[in-house]
Each structure stands twice: as structure tokens, then as C-alpha cells.
Amino acid sequence: MSDVTKVLGQLAAAATTNEDLYTAPNLSQVTVSTLTVCNRTAGALTYRIAVRPAGEALDVKHYIAYDRSVAINFTDNWSIGITIKESDVITVYASATGLSFNLFGVETT
């Protein structure tokens, strides 16, 4: 088994669109250590984060954050330590353009 510490995903989110930030690769286990949500605008925005096992269609049961507000020019930091496996997907959503999502962790293959 091999561990690789890395940036798992980065995304400047589109407005009001569910977008996949990261999909765990085949034959892997992934530990997500940190997720940041940076508001680059001069107004408060909201965001959503969902974890979709095996790439299931998005459902309300998948959300770990829903319409959470992030202040003007502020960054929310999630030190979460969740584990996911191959084909699991982390999906994000922004209420408007101006949010950057960054995901960090360890892929084990």
C-alpha cells in the first residue's frame, strides 16, 4: 500500500450548479483532512457540500453542509477527517460565482 498526500481537488465554482470537486480513484481509500471554502467577493454567499457513495445520484441524505453562509472575503475551514473509497464523490454548490473550494488529503492505493 502506498500513501500520497496531495491536493485532491480545486474548483472556482459556477453559480447555482452542483459540481464534482473530487472522485476517489479506483482501488483507493482516501482520507480527506481539510476542505476550505473561500469567498472572494464583497458579499456573503452560501454553499453546499455532499458526499455521494459510489457516485449515487445526489440526494438530501448526502449533505454535510447545506446553504451554509460564508462571510465577505472570508474562508471557512473544515478539518473533517472523513474517509471515502473508490468511486465516492464529493460534490459542491455555490449560490453565486466567487467561491473557491480546495480539498486536501491522503490517497492510499
C-alpha atoms as a PDB file:
ATOM      1  CA  MET A   1       0.000   0.000   0.000  1.00  0.00           C
ATOM      2  CA  SER A   2       1.165   3.487  -0.829  1.00  0.00           C
ATOM      3  CA  ASP A   3       0.086   6.814   0.719  1.00  0.00           C
ATOM      4  CA  VAL A   4       0.217  10.041  -1.270  1.00  0.00           C
ATOM      5  CA  THR A   5      -0.504  13.337   0.496  1.00  0.00           C
ATOM      6  CA  LYS A   6      -1.887  15.793  -2.033  1.00  0.00           C
ATOM      7  CA  VAL A   7      -4.296  18.454  -3.148  1.00  0.00           C
ATOM      8  CA  LEU A   8      -7.303  16.318  -4.017  1.00  0.00           C
ATOM      9  CA  GLY A   9      -9.330  18.983  -5.775  1.00  0.00           C
ATOM     10  CA  GLN A  10      -9.637  22.684  -6.512  1.00  0.00           C
ATOM     11  CA  LEU A  11     -12.602  24.447  -8.045  1.00  0.00           C
ATOM     12  CA  ALA A  12     -13.749  28.007  -8.690  1.00  0.00           C
ATOM     13  CA  ALA A  13     -17.441  27.160  -8.523  1.00  0.00           C
ATOM     14  CA  ALA A  14     -20.049  28.199 -11.047  1.00  0.00           C
ATOM     15  CA  ALA A  15     -23.260  29.794  -9.787  1.00  0.00           C
ATOM     16  CA  THR A  16     -26.122  27.536  -8.656  1.00  0.00           C
ATOM     17  CA  THR A  17     -24.631  24.367 -10.135  1.00  0.00           C
ATOM     18  CA  ASN A  18     -23.778  21.071  -8.452  1.00  0.00           C
ATOM     19  CA  GLU A  19     -20.169  20.308  -9.389  1.00  0.00           C
ATOM     20  CA  ASP A  20     -17.940  17.380  -8.537  1.00  0.00           C
ATOM     21  CA  LEU A  21     -14.891  18.543  -6.605  1.00  0.00           C
ATOM     22  CA  TYR A  22     -13.321  15.095  -6.279  1.00  0.00           C
ATOM     23  CA  THR A  23     -13.916  11.464  -7.198  1.00  0.00           C
ATOM     24  CA  ALA A  24     -11.884   8.812  -5.390  1.00  0.00           C
ATOM     25  CA  PRO A  25      -9.827   6.785  -7.895  1.00  0.00           C
ATOM     26  CA  ASN A  26     -10.170   3.045  -8.477  1.00  0.00           C
ATOM     27  CA  LEU A  27      -8.658   0.725  -5.875  1.00  0.00           C
ATOM     28  CA  SER A  28      -8.126   3.520  -3.369  1.00  0.00           C
ATOM     29  CA  GLN A  29      -9.056   4.654   0.089  1.00  0.00           C
ATOM     30  CA  VAL A  30      -8.926   8.378   0.724  1.00  0.00           C
ATOM     31  CA  THR A  31      -8.707  10.342   3.950  1.00  0.00           C
ATOM     32  CA  VAL A  32      -9.953  13.885   3.476  1.00  0.00           C
ATOM     33  CA  SER A  33      -8.170  16.048   6.017  1.00  0.00           C
ATOM     34  CA  THR A  34      -9.256  19.569   5.121  1.00  0.00           C
ATOM     35  CA  LEU A  35     -11.765  21.337   2.921  1.00  0.00           C
ATOM     36  CA  THR A  36     -11.653  25.114   2.535  1.00  0.00           C
ATOM     37  CA  VAL A  37     -14.349  27.365   1.081  1.00  0.00           C
ATOM     38  CA  CYS A  38     -13.041  30.830   0.206  1.00  0.00           C
ATOM     39  CA  ASN A  39     -15.408  33.711  -0.530  1.00  0.00           C
ATOM     40  CA  ARG A  40     -13.608  36.036  -2.963  1.00  0.00           C
ATOM     41  CA  THR A  41     -16.478  38.529  -3.166  1.00  0.00           C
ATOM     42  CA  ALA A  42     -17.705  41.619  -1.350  1.00  0.00           C
ATOM     43  CA  GLY A  43     -20.939  39.904  -0.293  1.00  0.00           C
ATOM     44  CA  ALA A  44     -21.898  36.901   1.800  1.00  0.00           C
ATOM     45  CA  LEU A  45     -22.533  33.700  -0.191  1.00  0.00           C
ATOM     46  CA  THR A  46     -23.825  30.245   0.668  1.00  0.00           C
ATOM     47  CA  TYR A  47     -22.566  26.799  -0.248  1.00  0.00           C
ATOM     48  CA  ARG A  48     -23.367  23.113  -0.025  1.00  0.00           C
ATOM     49  CA  ILE A  49     -21.164  20.040   0.358  1.00  0.00           C
ATOM     50  CA  ALA A  50     -22.311  16.481  -0.301  1.00  0.00           C
ATOM     51  CA  VAL A  51     -20.570  13.105  -0.119  1.00  0.00           C
ATOM     52  CA  ARG A  52     -22.037  10.639  -2.626  1.00  0.00           C
ATOM     53  CA  PRO A  53     -21.062   6.990  -2.020  1.00  0.00           C
ATOM     54  CA  ALA A  54     -20.261   5.122  -5.250  1.00  0.00           C
ATOM     55  CA  GLY A  55     -21.342   8.177  -7.245  1.00  0.00           C
ATOM     56  CA  GLU A  56     -25.011   7.825  -6.276  1.00  0.00           C
ATOM     57  CA  ALA A  57     -27.403  10.410  -7.661  1.00  0.00           C
ATOM     58  CA  LEU A  58     -27.428  13.458  -5.389  1.00  0.00           C
ATOM     59  CA  ASP A  59     -29.953  13.103  -2.554  1.00  0.00           C
ATOM     60  CA  VAL A  60     -30.693  15.050   0.628  1.00  0.00           C
ATOM     61  CA  LYS A  61     -29.056  12.307   2.717  1.00  0.00           C
ATOM     62  CA  HIS A  62     -25.627  13.128   1.205  1.00  0.00           C
ATOM     63  CA  TYR A  63     -25.253  16.693   2.527  1.00  0.00           C
ATOM     64  CA  ILE A  64     -22.746  17.525   5.249  1.00  0.00           C
ATOM     65  CA  ALA A  65     -23.374  21.263   4.733  1.00  0.00           C
ATOM     66  CA  TYR A  66     -26.449  22.889   3.219  1.00  0.00           C
ATOM     67  CA  ASP A  67     -26.747  26.600   2.431  1.00  0.00           C
ATOM     68  CA  ARG A  68     -24.044  27.456   4.938  1.00  0.00           C
ATOM     69  CA  SER A  69     -23.131  31.130   4.805  1.00  0.00           C
ATOM     70  CA  VAL A  70     -19.564  32.301   4.314  1.00  0.00           C
ATOM     71  CA  ALA A  71     -18.862  35.958   5.063  1.00  0.00           C
ATOM     72  CA  ILE A  72     -17.364  38.629   2.837  1.00  0.00           C
ATOM     73  CA  ASN A  73     -13.711  37.867   1.960  1.00  0.00           C
ATOM     74  CA  PHE A  74     -13.623  35.006   4.459  1.00  0.00           C
ATOM     75  CA  THR A  75     -12.552  31.350   4.327  1.00  0.00           C
ATOM     76  CA  ASP A  76     -14.408  28.509   6.049  1.00  0.00           C
ATOM     77  CA  ASN A  77     -12.054  25.687   7.069  1.00  0.00           C
ATOM     78  CA  TRP A  78     -13.356  22.169   7.545  1.00  0.00           C
ATOM     79  CA  SER A  79     -10.851  19.896   9.294  1.00  0.00           C
ATOM     80  CA  ILE A  80     -13.028  16.886   8.873  1.00  0.00           C
ATOM     81  CA  GLY A  81     -11.004  13.656   8.609  1.00  0.00           C
ATOM     82  CA  ILE A  82     -13.623  11.709   6.643  1.00  0.00           C
ATOM     83  CA  THR A  83     -12.738   8.576   4.726  1.00  0.00           C
ATOM     84  CA  ILE A  84     -14.065   7.649   1.318  1.00  0.00           C
ATOM     85  CA  LYS A  85     -13.377   4.808  -1.085  1.00  0.00           C
ATOM     86  CA  GLU A  86     -13.162   4.298  -4.821  1.00  0.00           C
ATOM     87  CA  SER A  87     -15.909   5.968  -6.850  1.00  0.00           C
ATOM     88  CA  ASP A  88     -17.157   8.065  -3.912  1.00  0.00           C
ATOM     89  CA  VAL A  89     -17.713  11.672  -4.967  1.00  0.00           C
ATOM     90  CA  ILE A  90     -17.552  14.997  -3.138  1.00  0.00           C
ATOM     91  CA  THR A  91     -19.955  17.447  -4.755  1.00  0.00           C
ATOM     92  CA  VAL A  92     -20.168  21.175  -4.050  1.00  0.00           C
ATOM     93  CA  TYR A  93     -22.549  24.003  -4.868  1.00  0.00           C
ATOM     94  CA  ALA A  94     -22.244  27.798  -4.644  1.00  0.00           C
ATOM     95  CA  SER A  95     -25.081  30.320  -4.504  1.00  0.00           C
ATOM     96  CA  ALA A  96     -23.130  32.606  -6.878  1.00  0.00           C
ATOM     97  CA  THR A  97     -19.752  32.827  -8.554  1.00  0.00           C
ATOM     98  CA  GLY A  98     -16.936  33.875  -6.258  1.00  0.00           C
ATOM     99  CA  LEU A  99     -16.362  30.770  -4.119  1.00  0.00           C
ATOM    100  CA  SER A 100     -13.207  28.655  -4.329  1.00  0.00           C
ATOM    101  CA  PHE A 101     -13.209  25.109  -2.942  1.00  0.00           C
ATOM    102  CA  ASN A 102      -9.931  23.361  -2.032  1.00  0.00           C
ATOM    103  CA  LEU A 103      -9.714  19.770  -0.817  1.00  0.00           C
ATOM    104  CA  PHE A 104      -6.632  18.189   0.809  1.00  0.00           C
ATOM    105  CA  GLY A 105      -5.920  14.674   1.976  1.00  0.00           C
ATOM    106  CA  VAL A 106      -4.200  11.327   1.502  1.00  0.00           C
ATOM    107  CA  GLU A 107      -4.860   8.752  -1.224  1.00  0.00           C
ATOM    108  CA  THR A 108      -3.974   5.180  -0.276  1.00  0.00           C
ATOM    109  CA  THR A 109      -3.655   2.663  -3.088  1.00  0.00           C
END
